[in-house]
Amino acid sequence: MIKHHLTEDLMIGYAAGTLPEAVNLAVATHISLCDDCRAAVDTYDAMGGSVMNGCDGVAMSSDSLNAALASIRAPESAPVAPPKPRRDAVLPAPLLDYVGGGLDAVKWSPVGMGVKQAILPTSKAATARLLYIPSGVGVPDHGHRGIELTLVLQGAFRDEEDVFARGDIEIATEADEHTPIAEIGEDCICLAVTDAPLKFRGLLPRIAQPFLRI
């Protein structure tokens, strides 16, 4: 049962298309798991469509119809096979194309203490990464220079605020500082999105930070 959900601002931004690509990815992945947030986003989509229907139309060029018909009648270069549906027990559908497959296709890089990460290809406005945290291992104490979204895909973690399990999303801001620790019993895999570098207290994490792009 999902206990931690998206904020209204994130859902409205997603429906309006104003969020950075990495943040969009986190929202899309969460709503693929969360019925409540998916229903809310559908409502905002409908509201946006209603607003657009009430807007004035835009004049089209005189040859728009002919150009569209010519494009439809143009011969196809080659038939394109429909994509095969892909499923993975851990990675929801929005993540599969970014990874290039399921969990076994993730190209992990070691971070330290058994923790691994895989940075996903998104625009530079924000960074998305998969994090693998062994059971019982913690991430160094840190604060934030912007927003950090952490969506649990496998296992669970706890910090000073609460426990977060599969489908839960933690939203941390510049006012928050925490030390996430993977719960005992199962390794934790998360999608983490940041729009600014983290603020680490410890010297070693600060030294490694530029190389790990955290």
Protein backbone atom coordinates (compact mmCIF):
# COMPACT_ATOMS: atom_id res chain seq x y z
CA MET A 1 0.00 0.00 0.00
CA ILE A 2 1.49 3.33 -1.10
CA LYS A 3 1.56 5.91 1.71
CA HIS A 4 3.73 8.69 0.26
CA HIS A 5 2.41 10.51 -2.80
CA LEU A 6 3.21 13.33 -5.22
CA THR A 7 2.48 16.95 -4.36
CA GLU A 8 -0.21 18.84 -6.22
CA ASP A 9 2.43 21.15 -7.76
CA LEU A 10 4.30 18.19 -9.26
CA MET A 11 1.14 16.66 -10.72
CA ILE A 12 0.00 19.98 -12.22
CA GLY A 13 3.47 20.58 -13.66
CA TYR A 14 3.49 17.10 -15.18
CA ALA A 15 0.06 17.61 -16.75
CA ALA A 16 1.11 21.03 -18.07
CA GLY A 17 4.45 19.76 -19.42
CA THR A 18 6.54 22.29 -17.49
CA LEU A 19 8.79 19.94 -15.50
CA PRO A 20 12.37 18.91 -16.38
CA GLU A 21 12.65 15.56 -18.14
CA ALA A 22 14.12 13.77 -15.11
CA VAL A 23 11.30 15.01 -12.86
CA ASN A 24 8.75 13.96 -15.48
CA LEU A 25 10.32 10.49 -15.42
CA ALA A 26 9.93 10.24 -11.63
CA VAL A 27 6.30 11.39 -11.81
CA ALA A 28 5.48 9.03 -14.68
CA THR A 29 7.07 6.11 -12.85
CA HIS A 30 5.21 6.87 -9.62
CA ILE A 31 1.80 7.20 -11.28
CA SER A 32 2.40 3.89 -13.08
CA LEU A 33 2.38 2.35 -9.58
CA CYS A 34 -0.06 4.62 -7.73
CA ASP A 35 -3.77 4.58 -8.60
CA ASP A 36 -4.52 7.68 -6.51
CA CYS A 37 -1.93 9.93 -8.13
CA ARG A 38 -2.70 8.58 -11.60
CA ALA A 39 -6.37 9.50 -11.14
CA ALA A 40 -5.38 12.99 -9.96
CA VAL A 41 -3.10 13.52 -12.97
CA ASP A 42 -5.92 12.39 -15.29
CA THR A 43 -8.12 15.06 -13.69
CA TYR A 44 -5.51 17.75 -14.28
CA ASP A 45 -5.11 16.56 -17.89
CA ALA A 46 -8.86 16.89 -18.39
CA MET A 47 -8.86 20.37 -16.86
CA GLY A 48 -6.04 21.42 -19.17
CA GLY A 49 -7.90 20.06 -22.19
CA SER A 50 -11.00 21.99 -21.19
CA VAL A 51 -8.98 25.21 -20.94
CA MET A 52 -7.45 24.63 -24.38
CA ASN A 53 -10.88 24.02 -25.92
CA GLY A 54 -11.93 27.42 -24.65
CA CYS A 55 -9.01 29.22 -26.29
CA ASP A 56 -9.23 31.06 -29.59
CA GLY A 57 -8.19 29.12 -32.67
CA VAL A 58 -5.03 29.81 -34.68
CA ALA A 59 -5.19 30.52 -38.40
CA MET A 60 -3.56 27.90 -40.65
CA SER A 61 -1.69 28.52 -43.88
CA SER A 62 -3.61 28.10 -47.14
CA ASP A 63 -1.69 24.94 -48.15
CA SER A 64 -1.96 23.14 -44.77
CA LEU A 65 -4.60 20.67 -45.97
CA ASN A 66 -2.70 19.79 -49.16
CA ALA A 67 0.53 19.31 -47.20
CA ALA A 68 -1.19 16.99 -44.73
CA LEU A 69 -2.82 14.94 -47.53
CA ALA A 70 0.50 14.66 -49.38
CA SER A 71 2.17 13.37 -46.26
CA ILE A 72 -0.55 10.76 -45.76
CA ARG A 73 -0.30 9.58 -49.38
CA ALA A 74 3.51 9.39 -49.40
CA PRO A 75 4.78 5.79 -49.85
CA GLU A 76 6.22 4.18 -46.75
CA SER A 77 9.92 3.38 -46.95
CA ALA A 78 9.54 0.15 -45.02
CA PRO A 79 6.97 -1.42 -42.72
CA VAL A 80 7.66 -0.79 -39.07
CA ALA A 81 6.93 -3.64 -36.68
CA PRO A 82 5.06 -2.61 -33.53
CA PRO A 83 7.28 -2.58 -30.45
CA LYS A 84 7.11 -5.69 -28.31
CA PRO A 85 5.69 -5.05 -24.85
CA ARG A 86 8.36 -5.34 -22.17
CA ARG A 87 7.86 -6.17 -18.53
CA ASP A 88 10.15 -6.23 -15.55
CA ALA A 89 9.39 -7.21 -11.97
CA VAL A 90 11.25 -4.19 -10.55
CA LEU A 91 11.37 -1.46 -13.22
CA PRO A 92 7.98 0.00 -14.21
CA ALA A 93 7.25 0.66 -17.89
CA PRO A 94 8.36 4.36 -17.96
CA LEU A 95 11.89 3.32 -16.96
CA LEU A 96 12.40 0.48 -19.44
CA ASP A 97 13.30 2.66 -22.44
CA TYR A 98 15.69 4.78 -20.36
CA VAL A 99 17.49 1.67 -19.15
CA GLY A 100 17.30 -0.18 -22.47
CA GLY A 101 15.65 -3.22 -20.91
CA GLY A 102 14.88 -4.64 -17.50
CA LEU A 103 16.88 -4.64 -14.31
CA ASP A 104 19.47 -7.01 -15.80
CA ALA A 105 20.28 -4.33 -18.41
CA VAL A 106 21.21 -1.65 -15.86
CA LYS A 107 24.87 -0.58 -16.12
CA TRP A 108 25.76 -0.09 -12.46
CA SER A 109 28.77 1.88 -11.24
CA PRO A 110 30.11 1.44 -7.68
CA VAL A 111 29.73 4.35 -5.28
CA GLY A 112 31.09 2.78 -2.09
CA MET A 113 29.93 0.56 0.81
CA GLY A 114 28.24 -1.71 -1.73
CA VAL A 115 26.05 1.13 -3.03
CA LYS A 116 25.79 1.38 -6.83
CA GLN A 117 24.27 3.90 -9.19
CA ALA A 118 23.30 4.18 -12.84
CA ILE A 119 22.78 7.70 -14.24
CA LEU A 120 19.98 7.79 -16.82
CA PRO A 121 20.10 9.90 -20.01
CA THR A 122 17.92 12.99 -19.48
CA SER A 123 18.19 16.72 -20.12
CA LYS A 124 20.62 18.75 -18.02
CA ALA A 125 17.89 20.58 -16.09
CA ALA A 126 17.81 17.72 -13.55
CA THR A 127 19.53 14.36 -13.04
CA ALA A 128 17.90 10.93 -12.75
CA ARG A 129 19.73 7.91 -11.40
CA LEU A 130 18.94 4.41 -10.23
CA LEU A 131 20.40 3.63 -6.80
CA TYR A 132 21.13 0.15 -5.44
CA ILE A 133 21.56 0.15 -1.66
CA PRO A 134 22.34 -3.16 0.07
CA SER A 135 20.11 -4.20 2.96
CA GLY A 136 21.12 -2.37 6.14
CA VAL A 137 23.45 0.09 4.40
CA GLY A 138 22.92 3.84 4.69
CA VAL A 139 23.52 6.78 2.39
CA PRO A 140 25.71 9.52 3.98
CA ASP A 141 23.92 12.28 5.87
CA HIS A 142 23.07 15.06 3.43
CA GLY A 143 20.98 18.15 2.80
CA HIS A 144 19.74 19.65 -0.46
CA ARG A 145 20.37 22.68 -2.64
CA GLY A 146 17.14 22.02 -4.54
CA ILE A 147 14.59 19.24 -4.76
CA GLU A 148 15.28 15.51 -4.42
CA LEU A 149 12.65 12.93 -5.40
CA THR A 150 13.31 9.36 -4.26
CA LEU A 151 10.94 6.68 -5.55
CA VAL A 152 11.30 3.16 -4.14
CA LEU A 153 11.22 0.36 -6.73
CA GLN A 154 12.34 -2.57 -4.57
CA GLY A 155 12.73 -3.10 -0.84
CA ALA A 156 12.39 -0.11 1.48
CA PHE A 157 14.40 2.55 3.29
CA ARG A 158 13.89 4.64 6.39
CA ASP A 159 15.15 8.02 7.45
CA GLU A 160 14.33 10.58 10.12
CA GLU A 161 10.89 11.15 8.58
CA ASP A 162 9.36 7.71 7.91
CA VAL A 163 9.68 4.34 6.16
CA PHE A 164 9.34 4.30 2.36
CA ALA A 165 8.46 1.09 0.48
CA ARG A 166 7.78 0.19 -3.18
CA GLY A 167 5.81 2.92 -4.89
CA ASP A 168 6.39 5.49 -2.13
CA ILE A 169 8.06 8.72 -3.16
CA GLU A 170 9.97 10.96 -0.75
CA ILE A 171 10.13 14.64 -1.68
CA ALA A 172 13.00 16.48 0.02
CA THR A 173 13.71 20.20 -0.30
CA GLU A 174 16.34 22.67 0.85
CA ALA A 175 14.76 22.57 4.32
CA ASP A 176 15.40 18.83 4.74
CA GLU A 177 18.44 16.90 5.90
CA HIS A 178 18.38 13.12 6.30
CA THR A 179 20.29 9.82 6.38
CA PRO A 180 18.42 7.16 4.38
CA ILE A 181 19.12 3.54 5.42
CA ALA A 182 17.93 0.47 3.50
CA GLU A 183 15.68 -1.73 5.59
CA ILE A 184 16.92 -5.14 6.68
CA GLY A 185 15.63 -8.08 4.64
CA GLU A 186 15.92 -6.90 1.02
CA ASP A 187 18.29 -4.71 -0.98
CA CYS A 188 16.72 -1.37 -1.87
CA ILE A 189 16.52 -0.02 -5.42
CA CYS A 190 15.32 3.54 -5.95
CA LEU A 191 14.90 6.11 -8.69
CA ALA A 192 16.44 9.35 -7.40
CA VAL A 193 16.02 12.71 -9.14
CA THR A 194 17.82 15.93 -8.18
CA ASP A 195 17.90 19.37 -9.75
CA ALA A 196 20.98 20.53 -7.80
CA PRO A 197 23.98 18.89 -6.09
CA LEU A 198 23.42 17.42 -2.62
CA LYS A 199 25.02 18.96 0.49
CA PHE A 200 27.10 16.29 2.29
CA ARG A 201 28.39 16.78 5.81
CA GLY A 202 31.24 14.26 5.61
CA LEU A 203 34.59 15.05 3.98
CA LEU A 204 34.87 11.83 1.92
CA PRO A 205 31.44 12.20 0.27
CA ARG A 206 32.27 15.81 -0.58
CA ILE A 207 35.55 14.76 -2.21
CA ALA A 208 33.85 12.02 -4.24
CA GLN A 209 30.85 14.15 -5.17
CA PRO A 210 32.20 15.69 -8.43
CA PHE A 211 33.25 12.28 -9.74
CA LEU A 212 29.94 10.60 -8.85
CA ARG A 213 27.86 13.55 -10.16
CA ILE A 214 25.64 13.51 -7.08
